[in-house]
Amino acid sequence: MKYLYIVDYWVPFPSSEYGGVINVIAENDNECHALLLSWRSDCDDAHDSRIMERVVNAQKFALMNEEESEVINAFIT
């Protein structure tokens, strides 16, 4: 079973004023985390725990149909 993850963008204040939402289809938190790391290739390892924290706390919705795991949409300001 796969889930739709609604993940808050992880740029913390005061290093940035940017934020947003990233929608990801994944089987579990670990796969979602890996997809986000590969999607945002400019992230350094220092933010890894913040990203995983956002994934764990994301809203998750079970999907009825089998979908490909991927980042499907991102709204970032």
Protein backbone atom coordinates (compact mmCIF):
# COMPACT_ATOMS: atom_id res chain seq x y z
CA MET A 1 0.00 0.00 0.00
CA LYS A 2 1.20 3.50 -0.79
CA TYR A 3 0.41 6.82 0.82
CA LEU A 4 0.16 10.43 -0.22
CA TYR A 5 2.41 12.46 2.06
CA ILE A 6 1.74 16.18 2.51
CA VAL A 7 5.11 17.42 3.78
CA ASP A 8 5.78 20.95 5.05
CA TYR A 9 8.85 22.45 3.40
CA TRP A 10 11.78 22.26 5.81
CA VAL A 11 13.73 25.56 5.49
CA PRO A 12 13.88 26.82 9.08
CA PHE A 13 13.72 30.48 10.14
CA PRO A 14 15.97 32.54 10.35
CA SER A 15 18.10 30.96 7.62
CA SER A 16 15.28 31.52 5.15
CA GLU A 17 11.84 32.99 4.74
CA TYR A 18 10.90 30.27 2.28
CA GLY A 19 8.37 27.56 2.95
CA GLY A 20 5.76 25.48 1.24
CA VAL A 21 4.30 22.03 0.80
CA ILE A 22 5.66 19.00 -1.06
CA ASN A 23 3.37 16.11 -2.04
CA VAL A 24 5.01 12.70 -2.26
CA ILE A 25 3.70 9.21 -3.02
CA ALA A 26 5.63 6.60 -1.04
CA GLU A 27 5.23 3.25 0.72
CA ASN A 28 6.60 4.43 4.05
CA ASP A 29 8.46 7.24 5.83
CA ASN A 30 11.88 5.94 4.79
CA GLU A 31 10.98 5.86 1.10
CA CYS A 32 9.43 9.33 1.32
CA HIS A 33 12.59 10.63 3.00
CA ALA A 34 14.80 9.09 0.30
CA LEU A 35 12.67 10.60 -2.47
CA LEU A 36 12.93 14.04 -0.88
CA LEU A 37 16.69 13.74 -0.50
CA SER A 38 17.11 12.81 -4.16
CA TRP A 39 14.65 15.52 -5.25
CA ARG A 40 16.50 18.22 -3.31
CA SER A 41 20.03 17.22 -4.24
CA ASP A 42 21.44 20.48 -2.86
CA CYS A 43 20.54 19.54 0.74
CA ASP A 44 23.47 18.76 2.94
CA ASP A 45 23.51 16.07 5.59
CA ALA A 46 23.07 18.66 8.35
CA HIS A 47 19.37 18.95 7.46
CA ASP A 48 18.72 15.21 7.22
CA SER A 49 17.11 14.92 10.67
CA ARG A 50 14.87 17.92 9.99
CA ILE A 51 13.64 16.40 6.75
CA MET A 52 12.87 13.06 8.38
CA GLU A 53 11.07 14.85 11.24
CA ARG A 54 8.85 16.62 8.70
CA VAL A 55 8.13 13.31 6.93
CA VAL A 56 7.17 11.57 10.19
CA ASN A 57 4.86 14.46 11.11
CA ALA A 58 3.35 14.80 7.61
CA GLN A 59 -0.30 14.15 6.90
CA LYS A 60 -0.61 10.73 5.25
CA PHE A 61 -3.48 9.44 3.15
CA ALA A 62 -3.79 5.82 1.99
CA LEU A 63 -4.14 5.47 -1.78
CA MET A 64 -6.70 3.13 -3.31
CA ASN A 65 -4.78 2.55 -6.57
CA GLU A 66 -1.19 1.46 -7.02
CA GLU A 67 0.84 4.55 -7.93
CA GLU A 68 4.50 5.11 -8.73
CA SER A 69 6.56 6.43 -5.83
CA GLU A 70 7.64 9.98 -6.61
CA VAL A 71 7.46 13.64 -5.68
CA ILE A 72 4.28 14.62 -7.46
CA ASN A 73 3.93 18.30 -6.64
CA ALA A 74 5.74 21.06 -4.80
CA PHE A 75 4.56 24.54 -3.88
CA ILE A 76 7.47 26.51 -2.48
CA THR A 77 7.54 30.25 -1.86
